[in-house]
């Protein structure tokens, strides 16, 4: 009998600890100013802990892990490319650290998530924690608007943009746009608690997004919401309810910003970012970002295979900005081999995530979050960002959960059979 197996209590205990660490990590990972030193956030530590405990459980219980050829090839390319570019980097240890971080986010954490979020309920809980953390980041922007710069490590910009619990307003945009889309997705889910959580996440995320002034975040949120509505068959009642909530949230944010001399409304911010207001050319961020992309591509052409190094200092292009595009930034810093590994990994995860999109509720919300992260990454150097990889991994996990829970699966083989699906 299973209850007499000595490994069973140990496995349950370890996975419970790992799952708790994962939930906490998914919440804390959006609070980027809460760090234990340098580039390491508390969320990073919790997610690493979740992976290590999960790996210990699998090892102690002798669970076989099978890796498909695609997963092995992608990891090998990423590893080889990361090592090669670190050899030529100005800061080899810093470059190697970023390579390890990318491997953690693109391979190891998704694997742990597949093991730990193995039911619909656990998947919904994980998504809710990630949404709550992103919404809390937006709530920090509201605090800064109403109270002032009381969040250590985060300051309002001279242009009246509020970063909340992120260090930079661009990061805030990438985080809080997820709160908006996940909030809308939870609003469309079953259960009163989930819907209430969705309303709160949507409201805080939307206000935080407006206060951050991130045009990229606004565009990503709109595309994510549109994808969510399509996957929910554009139900008129849902459109009206969602529209009413968003109008109410936006109206409050704009009216609250009116008392700030330098705060910009979304329309004013869009005009500024596209250069329609004239004045300081440096505020035309669409032009400067395009220049950074062009400069990054030219830098890649000059060093196709080795790149410039993965450390943060190496990200800066000829226009003193990182290349603001996921693929160009990866090519410029990591070279062709490293980026090929990233692309293979990304395509495999996205393909799985899209296959669960038409399952209404949490799977559709996860897929919409993935689309949001992808859209934001087209105007940001996101290949190393937590708020890029985690939503994509969640969408892939949603596909795995729907596949395993719609057909009979022996419970004892879940960890072994589901874990390779993301990386294999």
Protein backbone atom coordinates (compact mmCIF):
# COMPACT_ATOMS: atom_id res chain seq x y z
CA UNK A 1 0.00 0.00 0.00
CA UNK A 2 1.15 3.53 -0.75
CA UNK A 3 0.81 4.61 2.87
CA UNK A 4 3.47 2.08 3.86
CA UNK A 5 6.01 3.39 1.37
CA UNK A 6 8.67 5.22 3.37
CA UNK A 7 9.28 7.78 0.64
CA UNK A 8 5.67 8.95 0.40
CA UNK A 9 5.51 11.16 3.53
CA UNK A 10 8.90 12.62 2.62
CA UNK A 11 7.76 13.48 -0.89
CA UNK A 12 4.56 15.13 0.25
CA UNK A 13 6.43 17.15 2.86
CA UNK A 14 9.11 18.35 0.46
CA UNK A 15 6.69 19.28 -2.31
CA UNK A 16 4.52 21.18 0.15
CA UNK A 17 7.55 23.24 1.19
CA UNK A 18 8.56 23.78 -2.43
CA UNK A 19 5.04 24.84 -3.40
CA UNK A 20 4.91 27.35 -0.56
CA UNK A 21 8.25 28.79 -1.67
CA UNK A 22 6.99 28.97 -5.24
CA UNK A 23 3.80 30.83 -4.29
CA UNK A 24 5.78 33.28 -2.18
CA UNK A 25 8.33 33.71 -4.97
CA UNK A 26 5.66 34.38 -7.57
CA UNK A 27 4.30 37.14 -5.35
CA UNK A 28 7.64 38.70 -4.38
CA UNK A 29 9.23 38.55 -7.81
CA UNK A 30 7.32 41.68 -8.90
CA UNK A 31 8.59 43.71 -5.93
CA UNK A 32 11.93 44.46 -7.52
CA UNK A 33 13.14 46.96 -4.90
CA UNK A 34 13.12 44.33 -2.15
CA UNK A 35 16.60 42.87 -2.56
CA UNK A 36 19.14 41.03 -0.48
CA UNK A 37 22.00 42.66 -2.36
CA UNK A 38 23.01 43.66 -5.87
CA UNK A 39 20.80 42.19 -8.58
CA UNK A 40 19.33 39.45 -6.38
CA UNK A 41 15.78 40.05 -5.19
CA UNK A 42 13.92 38.23 -2.43
CA UNK A 43 11.70 36.77 -5.14
CA UNK A 44 14.76 35.27 -6.83
CA UNK A 45 15.83 33.57 -3.61
CA UNK A 46 12.37 32.10 -3.06
CA UNK A 47 12.12 30.79 -6.62
CA UNK A 48 15.59 29.25 -6.42
CA UNK A 49 14.58 27.63 -3.13
CA UNK A 50 11.45 26.20 -4.77
CA UNK A 51 13.55 24.68 -7.55
CA UNK A 52 16.14 23.20 -5.19
CA UNK A 53 13.55 21.62 -2.90
CA UNK A 54 11.66 20.23 -5.89
CA UNK A 55 14.87 18.78 -7.33
CA UNK A 56 15.68 17.24 -3.94
CA UNK A 57 12.27 15.60 -3.82
CA UNK A 58 12.65 14.15 -7.30
CA UNK A 59 16.16 12.89 -6.51
CA UNK A 60 15.26 11.34 -3.14
CA UNK A 61 12.29 9.49 -4.60
CA UNK A 62 14.07 8.29 -7.72
CA UNK A 63 11.69 9.97 -10.14
CA UNK A 64 12.97 9.56 -13.71
CA UNK A 65 13.28 12.77 -15.72
CA UNK A 66 13.26 12.44 -19.49
CA UNK A 67 14.52 15.22 -21.71
CA UNK A 68 13.52 15.45 -25.35
CA UNK A 69 15.97 16.32 -28.08
CA UNK A 70 14.60 19.84 -28.47
CA UNK A 71 15.03 20.70 -24.82
CA UNK A 72 18.54 19.27 -24.67
CA UNK A 73 19.54 21.14 -27.85
CA UNK A 74 18.15 24.44 -26.56
CA UNK A 75 19.91 24.13 -23.21
CA UNK A 76 23.19 23.12 -24.87
CA UNK A 77 23.08 26.12 -27.19
CA UNK A 78 22.27 28.47 -24.34
CA UNK A 79 25.06 27.02 -22.20
CA UNK A 80 27.69 27.03 -24.95
CA UNK A 81 26.70 30.51 -26.11
CA UNK A 82 26.73 31.84 -22.56
CA UNK A 83 30.19 30.41 -21.90
CA UNK A 84 31.64 31.75 -25.15
CA UNK A 85 30.31 35.26 -24.69
CA UNK A 86 31.51 35.28 -21.07
CA UNK A 87 35.04 34.51 -22.24
CA UNK A 88 35.13 37.73 -24.29
CA UNK A 89 33.10 39.86 -21.88
CA UNK A 90 34.70 42.77 -20.03
CA UNK A 91 33.26 41.25 -16.84
CA UNK A 92 33.30 37.44 -17.30
CA UNK A 93 31.84 36.64 -13.89
CA UNK A 94 29.02 39.16 -14.37
CA UNK A 95 28.25 37.73 -17.79
CA UNK A 96 28.25 34.17 -16.47
CA UNK A 97 25.90 35.23 -13.67
CA UNK A 98 23.38 36.58 -16.17
CA UNK A 99 23.69 33.40 -18.26
CA UNK A 100 22.93 31.33 -15.16
CA UNK A 101 19.97 33.57 -14.37
CA UNK A 102 18.56 33.08 -17.87
CA UNK A 103 18.97 29.31 -17.59
CA UNK A 104 17.19 29.41 -14.24
CA UNK A 105 14.26 31.42 -15.61
CA UNK A 106 13.96 29.67 -18.96
CA UNK A 107 14.55 26.05 -17.89
CA UNK A 108 14.80 25.28 -14.18
CA UNK A 109 11.96 27.36 -12.72
CA UNK A 110 9.51 26.29 -15.49
CA UNK A 111 10.40 22.66 -14.73
CA UNK A 112 9.73 23.18 -11.02
CA UNK A 113 6.46 24.94 -11.83
CA UNK A 114 5.33 21.97 -13.90
CA UNK A 115 5.90 19.64 -10.96
CA UNK A 116 4.36 21.91 -8.34
CA UNK A 117 1.42 23.43 -10.24
CA UNK A 118 0.09 20.05 -11.31
CA UNK A 119 -3.66 20.66 -10.83
CA UNK A 120 -6.07 23.33 -12.02
CA UNK A 121 -6.48 24.63 -8.48
CA UNK A 122 -2.72 24.93 -7.92
CA UNK A 123 -2.27 26.57 -11.30
CA UNK A 124 -4.95 29.14 -10.42
CA UNK A 125 -3.28 29.76 -7.07
CA UNK A 126 0.10 30.31 -8.71
CA UNK A 127 -1.35 32.73 -11.26
CA UNK A 128 -3.22 34.56 -8.50
CA UNK A 129 -0.02 35.04 -6.49
CA UNK A 130 1.82 36.39 -9.54
CA UNK A 131 -1.10 38.73 -10.27
CA UNK A 132 -1.23 39.86 -6.63
CA UNK A 133 2.47 40.70 -6.62
CA UNK A 134 2.16 42.68 -9.85
CA UNK A 135 -0.87 44.51 -8.43
CA UNK A 136 1.08 45.31 -5.26
CA UNK A 137 3.76 46.91 -7.41
CA UNK A 138 1.01 49.09 -8.88
CA UNK A 139 -0.27 49.88 -5.39
CA UNK A 140 3.18 51.22 -4.60
CA UNK A 141 2.73 53.78 -7.38
CA UNK A 142 -0.49 54.93 -5.75
CA UNK A 143 1.31 55.30 -2.42
CA UNK A 144 3.96 57.44 -4.09
CA UNK A 145 1.30 59.61 -5.68
CA UNK A 146 -0.62 60.17 -2.45
CA UNK A 147 2.15 60.11 0.17
CA UNK A 148 5.44 60.68 -1.61
CA UNK A 149 8.69 58.76 -2.14
CA UNK A 150 8.59 56.57 0.94
CA UNK A 151 9.58 53.31 -0.80
CA UNK A 152 13.34 52.76 -0.37
CA UNK A 153 15.10 52.33 -3.69
CA UNK A 154 12.23 53.75 -5.73
CA UNK A 155 11.78 57.40 -6.60
CA UNK A 156 9.31 59.37 -8.70
CA UNK A 157 10.90 60.67 -11.89
CA UNK A 158 11.13 64.35 -12.77
CA UNK A 159 8.55 63.64 -15.48
CA UNK A 160 5.95 62.64 -12.89
CA UNK A 161 6.20 58.88 -13.41
CA UNK A 162 5.76 56.61 -10.40
CA UNK A 163 7.71 53.30 -10.30
CA UNK A 164 6.03 51.80 -7.22
CA UNK A 165 7.91 48.75 -5.98
CA UNK A 166 10.12 48.62 -9.07
CA UNK A 167 13.43 50.40 -9.42
CA UNK A 168 12.66 51.85 -12.86
CA UNK A 169 9.36 52.95 -14.40
CA UNK A 170 9.98 50.79 -17.47
CA UNK A 171 10.12 47.72 -15.22
CA UNK A 172 6.93 48.92 -13.57
CA UNK A 173 5.20 48.95 -16.94
CA UNK A 174 6.31 45.39 -17.66
CA UNK A 175 5.03 44.21 -14.29
CA UNK A 176 1.72 46.04 -13.87
CA UNK A 177 0.47 45.31 -17.39
CA UNK A 178 0.39 41.68 -16.24
CA UNK A 179 -1.75 42.67 -13.24
CA UNK A 180 -4.26 44.25 -15.63
CA UNK A 181 -4.51 41.21 -17.90
CA UNK A 182 -4.43 38.59 -15.14
CA UNK A 183 -7.03 40.62 -13.24
CA UNK A 184 -9.32 40.59 -16.26
CA UNK A 185 -8.73 36.86 -16.68
CA UNK A 186 -9.59 36.12 -13.05
CA UNK A 187 -12.67 38.32 -13.41
CA UNK A 188 -13.82 35.95 -16.16
CA UNK A 189 -13.11 32.86 -14.03
CA UNK A 190 -15.46 30.89 -11.82
CA UNK A 191 -15.70 31.54 -8.11
CA UNK A 192 -16.49 34.67 -6.14
CA UNK A 193 -13.06 34.85 -4.48
CA UNK A 194 -11.24 34.66 -7.81
CA UNK A 195 -13.46 37.34 -9.31
CA UNK A 196 -12.94 39.67 -6.37
CA UNK A 197 -9.20 39.08 -6.64
CA UNK A 198 -9.50 39.85 -10.34
CA UNK A 199 -11.26 43.16 -9.69
CA UNK A 200 -8.58 44.20 -7.19
CA UNK A 201 -5.71 43.15 -9.43
CA UNK A 202 -7.23 44.87 -12.45
CA UNK A 203 -7.88 48.11 -10.56
CA UNK A 204 -4.47 48.37 -8.90
CA UNK A 205 -2.67 47.26 -12.04
CA UNK A 206 -4.50 49.74 -14.27
CA UNK A 207 -3.93 52.71 -11.94
CA UNK A 208 -0.29 51.68 -11.45
CA UNK A 209 0.16 51.39 -15.23
CA UNK A 210 -1.19 54.87 -15.81
CA UNK A 211 0.93 56.32 -13.02
CA UNK A 212 4.05 54.61 -14.39
CA UNK A 213 3.56 56.35 -17.72
CA UNK A 214 4.83 53.25 -19.55
CA UNK A 215 3.51 53.43 -23.10
CA UNK A 216 4.92 49.96 -23.85
CA UNK A 217 3.05 48.61 -20.83
CA UNK A 218 -0.18 50.25 -22.00
CA UNK A 219 0.15 48.75 -25.47
CA UNK A 220 0.97 45.32 -24.06
CA UNK A 221 -2.03 45.44 -21.70
CA UNK A 222 -4.39 46.42 -24.53
CA UNK A 223 -3.15 43.55 -26.72
CA UNK A 224 -3.41 41.10 -23.80
CA UNK A 225 -6.97 42.20 -22.99
CA UNK A 226 -7.94 41.93 -26.64
CA UNK A 227 -6.52 38.40 -26.84
CA UNK A 228 -8.40 37.45 -23.68
CA UNK A 229 -11.68 38.74 -25.10
CA UNK A 230 -11.15 36.81 -28.33
CA UNK A 231 -10.49 33.60 -26.43
CA UNK A 232 -13.67 34.26 -24.44
CA UNK A 233 -15.60 34.69 -27.72
CA UNK A 234 -16.08 38.46 -27.23
CA UNK A 235 -19.01 38.02 -24.84
CA UNK A 236 -20.88 41.36 -24.73
CA UNK A 237 -21.57 41.25 -20.99
CA UNK A 238 -17.90 40.62 -20.22
CA UNK A 239 -16.83 43.44 -22.52
CA UNK A 240 -19.20 45.89 -20.83
CA UNK A 241 -18.20 44.85 -17.30
CA UNK A 242 -14.51 45.00 -18.11
CA UNK A 243 -14.90 48.34 -19.88
CA UNK A 244 -16.77 49.86 -16.94
CA UNK A 245 -14.08 48.79 -14.47
CA UNK A 246 -11.27 50.08 -16.64
CA UNK A 247 -12.96 53.43 -17.24
CA UNK A 248 -13.57 53.84 -13.50
CA UNK A 249 -9.96 53.00 -12.63
CA UNK A 250 -8.51 55.23 -15.34
CA UNK A 251 -10.79 58.11 -14.36
CA UNK A 252 -9.67 57.93 -10.73
CA UNK A 253 -6.00 57.78 -11.69
CA UNK A 254 -6.25 60.75 -14.05
CA UNK A 255 -8.19 62.83 -11.55
CA UNK A 256 -5.68 62.02 -8.80
CA UNK A 257 -2.81 62.98 -11.10
CA UNK A 258 -4.38 66.35 -11.78
CA UNK A 259 -3.11 67.68 -8.44
CA UNK A 260 0.49 66.88 -9.45
CA UNK A 261 2.18 69.63 -11.42
CA UNK A 262 4.42 67.34 -13.48
CA UNK A 263 2.30 64.18 -13.76
CA UNK A 264 1.20 63.24 -17.28
CA UNK A 265 -2.09 61.68 -18.35
CA UNK A 266 -1.91 58.65 -20.67
CA UNK A 267 -2.65 60.82 -23.73
CA UNK A 268 0.01 63.35 -22.73
CA UNK A 269 2.49 60.57 -22.07
CA UNK A 270 1.83 58.94 -25.46
CA UNK A 271 2.34 62.29 -27.21
CA UNK A 272 5.56 62.83 -25.28
CA UNK A 273 6.88 59.33 -26.02
CA UNK A 274 6.17 59.70 -29.74
CA UNK A 275 7.65 63.19 -30.03
CA UNK A 276 4.34 64.91 -30.80
CA UNK A 277 4.75 67.49 -28.02
CA UNK A 278 8.08 68.85 -29.25
CA UNK A 279 10.52 70.16 -26.68
CA UNK A 280 13.32 67.95 -25.36
CA UNK A 281 14.12 65.32 -27.99
CA UNK A 282 15.33 63.01 -25.22
CA UNK A 283 11.72 62.56 -24.08
CA UNK A 284 10.81 61.01 -27.44
CA UNK A 285 11.44 57.50 -26.16
CA UNK A 286 10.04 55.80 -29.26
CA UNK A 287 12.80 57.39 -31.35
CA UNK A 288 15.58 56.66 -28.85
CA UNK A 289 14.44 53.06 -28.47
CA UNK A 290 14.47 52.57 -32.20
CA UNK A 291 17.98 54.03 -32.33
CA UNK A 292 19.05 51.57 -29.62
CA UNK A 293 17.62 48.68 -31.65
CA UNK A 294 19.45 49.78 -34.80
CA UNK A 295 22.69 50.25 -32.85
CA UNK A 296 22.26 46.84 -31.23
CA UNK A 297 21.73 45.15 -34.59
CA UNK A 298 24.81 46.84 -36.03
CA UNK A 299 26.81 45.69 -33.01
CA UNK A 300 25.58 42.14 -33.52
CA UNK A 301 26.62 42.18 -37.20
CA UNK A 302 30.15 43.08 -36.10
CA UNK A 303 30.30 40.12 -33.69
CA UNK A 304 27.91 37.45 -34.87
CA UNK A 305 28.82 34.54 -32.62
CA UNK A 306 30.37 35.84 -29.41
CA UNK A 307 28.36 38.95 -28.65
CA UNK A 308 29.38 41.79 -26.34
CA UNK A 309 28.83 40.00 -23.02
CA UNK A 310 25.75 39.42 -20.91
CA UNK A 311 26.62 41.64 -17.93
CA UNK A 312 24.44 44.79 -17.55
CA UNK A 313 27.25 47.15 -18.54
CA UNK A 314 27.67 45.32 -21.86
CA UNK A 315 24.02 45.89 -22.75
CA UNK A 316 24.57 49.57 -23.53
CA UNK A 317 24.72 50.30 -27.25
CA UNK A 318 26.19 53.24 -29.13
CA UNK A 319 23.24 55.45 -28.06
CA UNK A 320 23.83 54.81 -24.33
CA UNK A 321 20.78 52.57 -24.01
CA UNK A 322 20.31 48.80 -24.07
CA UNK A 323 18.83 47.50 -27.33
CA UNK A 324 15.10 47.75 -26.58
CA UNK A 325 14.00 44.53 -28.24
CA UNK A 326 14.13 41.00 -26.85
CA UNK A 327 15.78 39.39 -29.87
CA UNK A 328 18.14 42.22 -30.83
CA UNK A 329 19.32 42.62 -27.22
CA UNK A 330 19.99 38.88 -26.97
CA UNK A 331 21.84 38.85 -30.30
CA UNK A 332 23.92 41.93 -29.42
CA UNK A 333 24.90 40.70 -25.97
CA UNK A 334 24.95 36.92 -26.33
CA UNK A 335 25.60 36.31 -30.02
CA UNK A 336 23.91 33.93 -32.41
CA UNK A 337 24.48 30.66 -30.51
CA UNK A 338 23.10 31.96 -27.21
CA UNK A 339 20.10 33.56 -28.91
CA UNK A 340 19.30 30.43 -30.89
CA UNK A 341 18.99 28.52 -27.63
CA UNK A 342 16.67 31.23 -26.29
CA UNK A 343 14.51 31.21 -29.41
CA UNK A 344 14.09 27.44 -29.43
CA UNK A 345 13.10 27.52 -25.78
CA UNK A 346 10.71 30.40 -26.32
CA UNK A 347 9.01 28.84 -29.34
CA UNK A 348 8.44 25.57 -27.48
CA UNK A 349 6.93 27.32 -24.46
CA UNK A 350 4.78 29.70 -26.50
CA UNK A 351 3.48 26.87 -28.67
CA UNK A 352 2.27 25.03 -25.57
CA UNK A 353 0.82 28.18 -24.04
CA UNK A 354 -1.24 29.03 -27.11
CA UNK A 355 -2.69 25.53 -27.23
CA UNK A 356 -4.45 26.14 -23.91
CA UNK A 357 -5.74 29.60 -24.81
CA UNK A 358 -9.23 28.53 -25.83
CA UNK A 359 -9.82 26.88 -22.45
CA UNK A 360 -11.78 29.62 -20.71
CA UNK A 361 -10.88 30.87 -17.26
CA UNK A 362 -7.39 30.47 -15.81
CA UNK A 363 -5.78 28.85 -18.91
CA UNK A 364 -6.99 31.74 -21.09
CA UNK A 365 -5.73 34.24 -18.48
CA UNK A 366 -2.33 32.53 -18.46
CA UNK A 367 -2.15 32.61 -22.26
CA UNK A 368 -3.17 36.28 -22.33
CA UNK A 369 -0.43 37.06 -19.79
CA UNK A 370 2.03 35.31 -22.06
CA UNK A 371 0.94 37.45 -25.02
CA UNK A 372 1.27 40.57 -22.86
CA UNK A 373 4.81 39.67 -21.86
CA UNK A 374 5.76 38.97 -25.49
CA UNK A 375 4.39 42.30 -26.71
CA UNK A 376 6.19 44.24 -23.98
CA UNK A 377 9.44 42.43 -24.78
CA UNK A 378 9.39 43.79 -28.33
CA UNK A 379 10.28 47.23 -26.95
CA UNK A 380 12.41 46.17 -23.98
CA UNK A 381 15.62 44.19 -23.33
CA UNK A 382 13.65 41.43 -21.59
CA UNK A 383 15.59 38.22 -22.31
CA UNK A 384 16.82 38.17 -18.68
CA UNK A 385 13.70 39.56 -16.97
CA UNK A 386 11.58 37.66 -14.47
CA UNK A 387 8.37 39.33 -15.68
CA UNK A 388 9.05 37.95 -19.16
CA UNK A 389 9.78 34.28 -18.48
CA UNK A 390 7.37 33.57 -15.62
CA UNK A 391 4.14 34.44 -17.51
CA UNK A 392 5.32 32.37 -20.48
CA UNK A 393 6.12 29.42 -18.20
CA UNK A 394 2.69 29.72 -16.55
CA UNK A 395 0.96 29.50 -19.90
CA UNK A 396 2.94 26.39 -20.82
CA UNK A 397 2.12 24.85 -17.44
CA UNK A 398 -1.58 25.59 -18.07
CA UNK A 399 -1.41 23.51 -21.23
CA UNK A 400 0.26 20.68 -19.35
CA UNK A 401 -2.36 20.77 -16.59
CA UNK A 402 -5.26 20.73 -19.05
CA UNK A 403 -3.69 17.84 -20.96
CA UNK A 404 -3.07 15.68 -17.89
CA UNK A 405 -6.37 16.44 -16.13
CA UNK A 406 -8.57 15.68 -19.11
CA UNK A 407 -7.31 12.10 -19.35
CA UNK A 408 -6.60 9.42 -16.72
CA UNK A 409 -3.09 9.76 -15.27
CA UNK A 410 -1.61 7.72 -12.44
CA UNK A 411 -1.00 10.19 -9.60
CA UNK A 412 2.32 8.61 -8.67
CA UNK A 413 3.73 9.38 -12.11
CA UNK A 414 2.70 13.01 -12.34
CA UNK A 415 6.07 14.49 -11.37
CA UNK A 416 7.94 12.23 -13.75
CA UNK A 417 5.56 12.62 -16.69
CA UNK A 418 4.84 16.32 -16.49
CA UNK A 419 8.23 17.74 -15.64
CA UNK A 420 9.89 16.95 -18.98
CA UNK A 421 6.99 18.49 -20.94
CA UNK A 422 8.36 22.01 -20.62
CA UNK A 423 12.02 21.24 -21.11
CA UNK A 424 11.85 18.11 -23.19
